[in-house]
Amino acid sequence: MLTTAQKTIVKNYIQADPVLSLMPMNSDGDYDIAAALNKPFTPSFIVWKSNVSADEVMRNGIDWTRVDNLSIGKARIWDWMTKLGTFNAGKANIRAGVDATWTGTAADLLVREAVYVHCKRNAIIIEKILSTGTGTTQAPATMGFDGAIQPSDINSARN
């Protein structure tokens, strides 16, 4: 569900697009616009994932010897972050937890980078439109909307 501000942004985007602005003001037009906005944004626009599986992170790229060498405080942070099953990398406090856990040695910084590989993805067009930030691999954007937009959302934004 879009907020009032997001509806305005989507409406303005549609009106500014030479193809989308010509779509009929009916359910077919809403469907076609939604389909267009749900395609991958090109060139790549990188966003923080809102649902990162701790299992995916822990099974792919973690140097387990580094986990064993964490201090008690860092281990506690990492344990809490991963025992919840998923975490939202779009939240600054979550990234601060990753940064606080995986800091210090070059080996720990490599683990941090391995974690962050799983925390980023390419946005679809609607996510890019409603994101804030740079959108690069080094500085992913934060999404204001996550996932596919529905034709009913397009209808609501256009009316």
N, C-alpha and C. Protein backbone atom coordinates (compact mmCIF):
# COMPACT_ATOMS: atom_id res chain seq x y z
N MET A 1 0.84 -1.17 0.00
CA MET A 1 0.00 0.00 0.00
C MET A 1 0.89 1.24 0.00
N LEU A 2 0.64 2.12 -0.92
CA LEU A 2 1.44 3.34 -1.05
C LEU A 2 0.94 4.43 -0.12
N THR A 3 1.87 5.21 0.39
CA THR A 3 1.49 6.39 1.16
C THR A 3 1.04 7.48 0.19
N THR A 4 0.45 8.53 0.71
CA THR A 4 0.02 9.64 -0.13
C THR A 4 1.21 10.25 -0.87
N ALA A 5 2.32 10.42 -0.18
CA ALA A 5 3.52 10.98 -0.81
C ALA A 5 4.04 10.06 -1.91
N GLN A 6 4.02 8.76 -1.67
CA GLN A 6 4.49 7.81 -2.68
C GLN A 6 3.57 7.80 -3.90
N LYS A 7 2.28 7.93 -3.68
CA LYS A 7 1.34 7.99 -4.80
C LYS A 7 1.66 9.18 -5.70
N THR A 8 1.99 10.29 -5.09
CA THR A 8 2.35 11.49 -5.85
C THR A 8 3.61 11.25 -6.67
N ILE A 9 4.61 10.63 -6.08
CA ILE A 9 5.85 10.33 -6.78
C ILE A 9 5.59 9.41 -7.97
N VAL A 10 4.78 8.37 -7.75
CA VAL A 10 4.47 7.41 -8.82
C VAL A 10 3.68 8.10 -9.93
N LYS A 11 2.70 8.90 -9.55
CA LYS A 11 1.89 9.62 -10.55
C LYS A 11 2.78 10.54 -11.39
N ASN A 12 3.65 11.28 -10.73
CA ASN A 12 4.56 12.19 -11.45
C ASN A 12 5.50 11.43 -12.38
N TYR A 13 5.97 10.27 -11.93
CA TYR A 13 6.85 9.44 -12.76
C TYR A 13 6.10 8.98 -14.01
N ILE A 14 4.89 8.50 -13.82
CA ILE A 14 4.08 8.02 -14.95
C ILE A 14 3.82 9.17 -15.92
N GLN A 15 3.44 10.31 -15.41
CA GLN A 15 3.13 11.45 -16.28
C GLN A 15 4.36 11.94 -17.05
N ALA A 16 5.54 11.79 -16.47
CA ALA A 16 6.77 12.25 -17.12
C ALA A 16 7.31 11.25 -18.14
N ASP A 17 6.85 10.00 -18.08
CA ASP A 17 7.33 8.98 -18.99
C ASP A 17 6.55 9.03 -20.30
N PRO A 18 7.24 9.15 -21.43
CA PRO A 18 6.53 9.30 -22.72
C PRO A 18 5.70 8.08 -23.12
N VAL A 19 6.02 6.90 -22.62
CA VAL A 19 5.24 5.71 -22.95
C VAL A 19 4.14 5.49 -21.91
N LEU A 20 4.51 5.51 -20.64
CA LEU A 20 3.54 5.23 -19.58
C LEU A 20 2.43 6.28 -19.52
N SER A 21 2.77 7.52 -19.84
CA SER A 21 1.77 8.60 -19.77
C SER A 21 0.65 8.42 -20.80
N LEU A 22 0.90 7.62 -21.83
CA LEU A 22 -0.11 7.40 -22.87
C LEU A 22 -1.00 6.18 -22.58
N MET A 23 -0.73 5.48 -21.50
CA MET A 23 -1.54 4.30 -21.17
C MET A 23 -2.95 4.74 -20.80
N PRO A 24 -3.94 3.94 -21.21
CA PRO A 24 -5.33 4.31 -20.91
C PRO A 24 -5.61 4.33 -19.41
N MET A 25 -6.52 5.18 -19.01
CA MET A 25 -6.91 5.30 -17.60
C MET A 25 -7.97 4.25 -17.28
N ASN A 26 -7.57 2.98 -17.35
CA ASN A 26 -8.46 1.88 -17.01
C ASN A 26 -7.63 0.73 -16.45
N SER A 27 -8.28 -0.39 -16.17
CA SER A 27 -7.57 -1.50 -15.54
C SER A 27 -6.47 -2.07 -16.44
N ASP A 28 -6.67 -2.05 -17.76
CA ASP A 28 -5.62 -2.52 -18.67
C ASP A 28 -4.39 -1.62 -18.59
N GLY A 29 -4.61 -0.32 -18.56
CA GLY A 29 -3.51 0.62 -18.42
C GLY A 29 -2.78 0.45 -17.10
N ASP A 30 -3.57 0.27 -16.03
CA ASP A 30 -2.97 0.06 -14.70
C ASP A 30 -2.11 -1.20 -14.69
N TYR A 31 -2.61 -2.27 -15.32
CA TYR A 31 -1.87 -3.53 -15.38
C TYR A 31 -0.56 -3.35 -16.16
N ASP A 32 -0.64 -2.69 -17.30
CA ASP A 32 0.55 -2.49 -18.14
C ASP A 32 1.59 -1.62 -17.44
N ILE A 33 1.15 -0.60 -16.75
CA ILE A 33 2.08 0.27 -16.02
C ILE A 33 2.73 -0.50 -14.88
N ALA A 34 1.93 -1.25 -14.13
CA ALA A 34 2.49 -2.05 -13.04
C ALA A 34 3.54 -3.03 -13.58
N ALA A 35 3.22 -3.69 -14.70
CA ALA A 35 4.18 -4.63 -15.29
C ALA A 35 5.47 -3.92 -15.67
N ALA A 36 5.37 -2.72 -16.22
CA ALA A 36 6.56 -1.96 -16.61
C ALA A 36 7.39 -1.55 -15.40
N LEU A 37 6.72 -1.15 -14.32
CA LEU A 37 7.44 -0.69 -13.13
C LEU A 37 8.01 -1.84 -12.29
N ASN A 38 7.58 -3.05 -12.57
CA ASN A 38 8.08 -4.22 -11.83
C ASN A 38 9.27 -4.90 -12.53
N LYS A 39 9.76 -4.29 -13.59
CA LYS A 39 10.94 -4.82 -14.28
C LYS A 39 12.21 -4.33 -13.59
N PRO A 40 13.31 -5.07 -13.74
CA PRO A 40 14.58 -4.62 -13.14
C PRO A 40 14.98 -3.24 -13.67
N PHE A 41 15.48 -2.41 -12.78
CA PHE A 41 15.97 -1.10 -13.17
C PHE A 41 17.33 -1.28 -13.84
N THR A 42 17.51 -0.61 -14.98
CA THR A 42 18.81 -0.65 -15.65
C THR A 42 19.24 0.77 -15.98
N PRO A 43 20.50 1.11 -15.79
CA PRO A 43 21.55 0.24 -15.27
C PRO A 43 21.27 -0.11 -13.81
N SER A 44 22.03 -1.01 -13.26
CA SER A 44 21.79 -1.47 -11.89
C SER A 44 21.68 -0.32 -10.91
N PHE A 45 20.71 -0.45 -10.02
CA PHE A 45 20.53 0.47 -8.90
C PHE A 45 20.44 -0.44 -7.68
N ILE A 46 21.46 -0.39 -6.85
CA ILE A 46 21.60 -1.34 -5.74
C ILE A 46 20.90 -0.81 -4.49
N VAL A 47 20.12 -1.70 -3.86
CA VAL A 47 19.39 -1.37 -2.63
C VAL A 47 19.76 -2.36 -1.53
N TRP A 48 19.55 -1.92 -0.30
CA TRP A 48 19.69 -2.83 0.84
C TRP A 48 18.48 -3.75 0.86
N LYS A 49 18.70 -5.03 1.03
CA LYS A 49 17.61 -5.99 1.13
C LYS A 49 16.90 -5.83 2.48
N SER A 50 15.60 -5.94 2.46
CA SER A 50 14.84 -5.81 3.71
C SER A 50 14.64 -7.15 4.40
N ASN A 51 15.01 -8.22 3.75
CA ASN A 51 14.80 -9.54 4.34
C ASN A 51 16.00 -10.42 3.99
N VAL A 52 17.01 -10.37 4.84
CA VAL A 52 18.23 -11.15 4.63
C VAL A 52 18.16 -12.38 5.51
N SER A 53 18.31 -13.53 4.90
CA SER A 53 18.28 -14.79 5.65
C SER A 53 19.62 -15.01 6.35
N ALA A 54 19.57 -15.16 7.66
CA ALA A 54 20.80 -15.45 8.40
C ALA A 54 21.39 -16.77 7.93
N ASP A 55 20.54 -17.72 7.57
CA ASP A 55 21.00 -19.01 7.08
C ASP A 55 21.81 -18.83 5.79
N GLU A 56 21.32 -18.00 4.88
CA GLU A 56 22.04 -17.75 3.63
C GLU A 56 23.41 -17.14 3.91
N VAL A 57 23.46 -16.19 4.82
CA VAL A 57 24.72 -15.54 5.17
C VAL A 57 25.69 -16.54 5.79
N MET A 58 25.18 -17.32 6.73
CA MET A 58 26.06 -18.22 7.47
C MET A 58 26.56 -19.40 6.63
N ARG A 59 25.83 -19.77 5.59
CA ARG A 59 26.23 -20.91 4.76
C ARG A 59 27.10 -20.50 3.57
N ASN A 60 27.24 -19.20 3.34
CA ASN A 60 27.91 -18.75 2.12
C ASN A 60 28.90 -17.62 2.40
N GLY A 61 30.14 -17.96 2.58
CA GLY A 61 31.18 -16.96 2.66
C GLY A 61 31.67 -16.61 4.05
N ILE A 62 31.11 -17.22 5.07
CA ILE A 62 31.57 -16.93 6.43
C ILE A 62 32.81 -17.76 6.74
N ASP A 63 33.81 -17.11 7.25
CA ASP A 63 34.99 -17.80 7.77
C ASP A 63 34.67 -18.17 9.21
N TRP A 64 34.30 -19.42 9.43
CA TRP A 64 33.82 -19.85 10.74
C TRP A 64 34.88 -19.69 11.83
N THR A 65 36.15 -19.69 11.47
CA THR A 65 37.17 -19.48 12.49
C THR A 65 37.08 -18.07 13.05
N ARG A 66 36.61 -17.12 12.22
CA ARG A 66 36.46 -15.75 12.70
C ARG A 66 35.29 -15.65 13.67
N VAL A 67 34.23 -16.40 13.45
CA VAL A 67 33.09 -16.40 14.37
C VAL A 67 33.56 -16.88 15.74
N ASP A 68 34.38 -17.92 15.75
CA ASP A 68 34.88 -18.48 17.00
C ASP A 68 35.79 -17.50 17.73
N ASN A 69 36.43 -16.58 17.01
CA ASN A 69 37.37 -15.64 17.62
C ASN A 69 36.74 -14.32 18.06
N LEU A 70 35.41 -14.18 17.91
CA LEU A 70 34.75 -12.93 18.33
C LEU A 70 34.83 -12.76 19.84
N SER A 71 34.94 -11.51 20.27
CA SER A 71 34.85 -11.23 21.71
C SER A 71 33.44 -11.55 22.17
N ILE A 72 33.24 -11.60 23.47
CA ILE A 72 31.91 -11.93 24.01
C ILE A 72 30.87 -10.92 23.54
N GLY A 73 31.20 -9.65 23.58
CA GLY A 73 30.24 -8.61 23.17
C GLY A 73 29.89 -8.71 21.69
N LYS A 74 30.89 -8.88 20.86
CA LYS A 74 30.65 -9.01 19.42
C LYS A 74 29.88 -10.29 19.11
N ALA A 75 30.24 -11.36 19.79
CA ALA A 75 29.54 -12.63 19.58
C ALA A 75 28.07 -12.50 19.97
N ARG A 76 27.79 -11.77 21.04
CA ARG A 76 26.41 -11.56 21.48
C ARG A 76 25.62 -10.79 20.43
N ILE A 77 26.22 -9.75 19.86
CA ILE A 77 25.56 -8.98 18.79
C ILE A 77 25.25 -9.89 17.62
N TRP A 78 26.26 -10.64 17.17
CA TRP A 78 26.07 -11.50 16.01
C TRP A 78 25.05 -12.59 16.29
N ASP A 79 25.08 -13.14 17.49
CA ASP A 79 24.12 -14.19 17.86
C ASP A 79 22.69 -13.66 17.79
N TRP A 80 22.46 -12.48 18.36
CA TRP A 80 21.11 -11.90 18.32
C TRP A 80 20.67 -11.59 16.91
N MET A 81 21.56 -11.06 16.11
CA MET A 81 21.19 -10.73 14.73
C MET A 81 20.82 -11.97 13.94
N THR A 82 21.55 -13.05 14.11
CA THR A 82 21.33 -14.23 13.29
C THR A 82 20.28 -15.18 13.86
N LYS A 83 20.05 -15.15 15.16
CA LYS A 83 19.07 -16.09 15.71
C LYS A 83 17.64 -15.69 15.43
N LEU A 84 17.43 -14.48 14.96
CA LEU A 84 16.08 -14.05 14.60
C LEU A 84 15.64 -14.64 13.26
N GLY A 85 16.56 -15.23 12.53
CA GLY A 85 16.24 -15.88 11.25
C GLY A 85 16.46 -14.98 10.05
N THR A 86 15.97 -13.75 10.14
CA THR A 86 16.18 -12.77 9.08
C THR A 86 16.46 -11.42 9.71
N PHE A 87 17.06 -10.56 8.91
CA PHE A 87 17.24 -9.18 9.38
C PHE A 87 17.09 -8.23 8.21
N ASN A 88 16.78 -6.99 8.52
CA ASN A 88 16.54 -5.95 7.52
C ASN A 88 17.80 -5.10 7.37
N ALA A 89 18.55 -5.34 6.30
CA ALA A 89 19.79 -4.59 6.07
C ALA A 89 19.52 -3.14 5.71
N GLY A 90 18.28 -2.79 5.42
CA GLY A 90 17.93 -1.41 5.14
C GLY A 90 17.92 -0.53 6.38
N LYS A 91 17.94 -1.14 7.55
CA LYS A 91 17.92 -0.38 8.80
C LYS A 91 19.35 -0.06 9.23
N ALA A 92 19.57 1.20 9.52
CA ALA A 92 20.91 1.66 9.90
C ALA A 92 21.44 0.94 11.13
N ASN A 93 20.56 0.64 12.10
CA ASN A 93 21.04 -0.02 13.32
C ASN A 93 21.50 -1.45 13.05
N ILE A 94 20.89 -2.10 12.05
CA ILE A 94 21.33 -3.46 11.69
C ILE A 94 22.72 -3.40 11.06
N ARG A 95 22.92 -2.46 10.15
CA ARG A 95 24.25 -2.32 9.53
C ARG A 95 25.28 -1.91 10.58
N ALA A 96 24.87 -1.10 11.55
CA ALA A 96 25.80 -0.74 12.63
C ALA A 96 26.19 -1.98 13.43
N GLY A 97 25.24 -2.92 13.60
CA GLY A 97 25.55 -4.16 14.29
C GLY A 97 26.53 -5.02 13.51
N VAL A 98 26.34 -5.10 12.21
CA VAL A 98 27.29 -5.84 11.36
C VAL A 98 28.66 -5.19 11.45
N ASP A 99 28.69 -3.86 11.34
CA ASP A 99 29.97 -3.14 11.40
C ASP A 99 30.65 -3.31 12.75
N ALA A 100 29.87 -3.29 13.83
CA ALA A 100 30.44 -3.43 15.17
C ALA A 100 30.97 -4.84 15.41
N THR A 101 30.32 -5.82 14.82
CA THR A 101 30.74 -7.21 15.00
C THR A 101 32.00 -7.51 14.21
N TRP A 102 31.99 -7.13 12.95
CA TRP A 102 33.07 -7.50 12.04
C TRP A 102 33.99 -6.31 11.79
N THR A 103 34.78 -5.99 12.80
CA THR A 103 35.72 -4.88 12.73
C THR A 103 37.04 -5.32 13.36
N GLY A 104 38.08 -4.62 13.01
CA GLY A 104 39.37 -4.92 13.63
C GLY A 104 40.36 -5.47 12.64
N THR A 105 40.46 -6.78 12.59
CA THR A 105 41.48 -7.42 11.75
C THR A 105 41.05 -7.44 10.29
N ALA A 106 42.02 -7.63 9.43
CA ALA A 106 41.72 -7.75 8.00
C ALA A 106 40.80 -8.95 7.74
N ALA A 107 40.99 -10.03 8.49
CA ALA A 107 40.15 -11.22 8.33
C ALA A 107 38.71 -10.92 8.72
N ASP A 108 38.51 -10.15 9.79
CA ASP A 108 37.15 -9.78 10.21
C ASP A 108 36.49 -8.85 9.18
N LEU A 109 37.27 -7.95 8.60
CA LEU A 109 36.72 -7.06 7.57
C LEU A 109 36.31 -7.85 6.33
N LEU A 110 37.02 -8.93 6.03
CA LEU A 110 36.62 -9.79 4.92
C LEU A 110 35.29 -10.49 5.21
N VAL A 111 35.08 -10.87 6.46
CA VAL A 111 33.79 -11.46 6.84
C VAL A 111 32.69 -10.42 6.69
N ARG A 112 32.95 -9.19 7.11
CA ARG A 112 31.95 -8.12 6.95
C ARG A 112 31.55 -7.99 5.49
N GLU A 113 32.54 -7.97 4.61
CA GLU A 113 32.24 -7.86 3.18
C GLU A 113 31.44 -9.07 2.69
N ALA A 114 31.76 -10.26 3.20
CA ALA A 114 31.02 -11.46 2.82
C ALA A 114 29.57 -11.37 3.29
N VAL A 115 29.34 -10.81 4.46
CA VAL A 115 27.98 -10.61 4.96
C VAL A 115 27.24 -9.62 4.07
N TYR A 116 27.88 -8.51 3.76
CA TYR A 116 27.21 -7.46 2.97
C TYR A 116 26.89 -7.89 1.54
N VAL A 117 27.61 -8.87 1.01
CA VAL A 117 27.27 -9.39 -0.32
C VAL A 117 25.82 -9.88 -0.33
N HIS A 118 25.39 -10.48 0.77
CA HIS A 118 24.03 -11.03 0.87
C HIS A 118 22.99 -9.98 1.25
N CYS A 119 23.42 -8.79 1.55
CA CYS A 119 22.52 -7.73 2.02
C CYS A 119 22.11 -6.74 0.94
N LYS A 120 22.55 -6.97 -0.29
CA LYS A 120 22.31 -6.02 -1.38
C LYS A 120 21.69 -6.75 -2.57
N ARG A 121 20.92 -6.01 -3.35
CA ARG A 121 20.38 -6.56 -4.60
C ARG A 121 20.03 -5.41 -5.54
N ASN A 122 19.78 -5.76 -6.79
CA ASN A 122 19.36 -4.77 -7.77
C ASN A 122 17.87 -4.47 -7.58
N ALA A 123 17.51 -3.23 -7.68
CA ALA A 123 16.12 -2.81 -7.51
C ALA A 123 15.33 -2.99 -8.80
N ILE A 124 14.02 -3.17 -8.63
CA ILE A 124 13.13 -3.04 -9.77
C ILE A 124 12.79 -1.55 -9.89
N ILE A 125 12.18 -1.17 -10.97
CA ILE A 125 11.95 0.25 -11.26
C ILE A 125 11.17 0.94 -10.15
N ILE A 126 10.06 0.34 -9.69
CA ILE A 126 9.25 0.99 -8.66
C ILE A 126 10.05 1.18 -7.37
N GLU A 127 10.89 0.22 -7.04
CA GLU A 127 11.72 0.36 -5.84
C GLU A 127 12.72 1.49 -6.00
N LYS A 128 13.28 1.62 -7.19
CA LYS A 128 14.24 2.69 -7.45
C LYS A 128 13.56 4.05 -7.31
N ILE A 129 12.37 4.16 -7.90
CA ILE A 129 11.63 5.43 -7.85
C ILE A 129 11.38 5.87 -6.42
N LEU A 130 11.11 4.91 -5.55
CA LEU A 130 10.72 5.21 -4.17
C LEU A 130 11.85 4.98 -3.16
N SER A 131 13.08 4.96 -3.64
CA SER A 131 14.25 4.77 -2.78
C SER A 131 14.95 6.09 -2.52
N THR A 132 15.74 6.10 -1.46
CA THR A 132 16.61 7.24 -1.18
C THR A 132 18.04 6.74 -1.07
N GLY A 133 18.94 7.46 -1.67
CA GLY A 133 20.34 7.10 -1.59
C GLY A 133 20.97 6.97 -2.95
N THR A 134 22.24 6.63 -2.93
CA THR A 134 23.08 6.60 -4.12
C THR A 134 22.76 5.43 -5.05
N GLY A 135 22.54 4.25 -4.49
CA GLY A 135 22.21 3.08 -5.31
C GLY A 135 23.41 2.41 -5.96
N THR A 136 24.57 2.55 -5.34
CA THR A 136 25.76 1.87 -5.84
C THR A 136 26.09 0.67 -4.95
N THR A 137 26.97 -0.17 -5.42
CA THR A 137 27.38 -1.31 -4.61
C THR A 137 28.03 -0.84 -3.31
N GLN A 138 28.80 0.25 -3.38
CA GLN A 138 29.47 0.78 -2.20
C GLN A 138 28.51 1.53 -1.28
N ALA A 139 27.45 2.11 -1.83
CA ALA A 139 26.48 2.88 -1.04
C ALA A 139 25.06 2.58 -1.53
N PRO A 140 24.54 1.39 -1.15
CA PRO A 140 23.19 1.03 -1.59
C PRO A 140 22.15 2.02 -1.08
N ALA A 141 21.05 2.12 -1.80
CA ALA A 141 19.94 2.98 -1.41
C ALA A 141 19.05 2.22 -0.42
N THR A 142 18.26 2.98 0.31
CA THR A 142 17.27 2.42 1.23
C THR A 142 15.92 2.50 0.56
N MET A 143 15.22 1.38 0.53
CA MET A 143 13.92 1.34 -0.14
C MET A 143 12.82 1.94 0.72
N GLY A 144 11.95 2.69 0.06
CA GLY A 144 10.73 3.17 0.70
C GLY A 144 9.56 2.27 0.36
N PHE A 145 9.78 1.38 -0.57
CA PHE A 145 8.77 0.42 -1.04
C PHE A 145 9.52 -0.81 -1.47
N ASP A 146 9.08 -1.98 -1.05
CA ASP A 146 9.81 -3.22 -1.30
C ASP A 146 8.90 -4.20 -2.02
N GLY A 147 9.30 -4.60 -3.22
CA GLY A 147 8.56 -5.61 -3.95
C GLY A 147 7.76 -5.04 -5.10
N ALA A 148 6.94 -5.90 -5.69
CA ALA A 148 6.17 -5.54 -6.87
C ALA A 148 4.99 -4.64 -6.52
N ILE A 149 4.73 -3.69 -7.40
CA ILE A 149 3.56 -2.83 -7.26
C ILE A 149 2.38 -3.51 -7.96
N GLN A 150 1.20 -3.32 -7.44
CA GLN A 150 0.00 -3.93 -7.98
C GLN A 150 -0.77 -2.93 -8.86
N PRO A 151 -1.53 -3.44 -9.83
CA PRO A 151 -2.35 -2.53 -10.65
C PRO A 151 -3.28 -1.65 -9.82
N SER A 152 -3.78 -2.16 -8.70
CA SER A 152 -4.64 -1.34 -7.85
C SER A 152 -3.88 -0.16 -7.25
N ASP A 153 -2.58 -0.34 -6.97
CA ASP A 153 -1.76 0.78 -6.49
C ASP A 153 -1.58 1.83 -7.59
N ILE A 154 -1.41 1.36 -8.82
CA ILE A 154 -1.28 2.29 -9.95
C ILE A 154 -2.58 3.07 -10.12
N ASN A 155 -3.69 2.38 -10.05
CA ASN A 155 -4.99 3.05 -10.16
C ASN A 155 -5.16 4.11 -9.10
N SER A 156 -4.79 3.77 -7.88
CA SER A 156 -4.90 4.71 -6.77
C SER A 156 -3.98 5.92 -6.96
N ALA A 157 -2.80 5.69 -7.50
CA ALA A 157 -1.85 6.78 -7.72
C ALA A 157 -2.31 7.70 -8.86
N ARG A 158 -2.91 7.11 -9.88
CA ARG A 158 -3.32 7.92 -11.05
C ARG A 158 -4.62 8.66 -10.83
N ASN A 159 -5.39 8.28 -9.88
CA ASN A 159 -6.69 8.94 -9.66
C ASN A 159 -6.64 9.93 -8.52
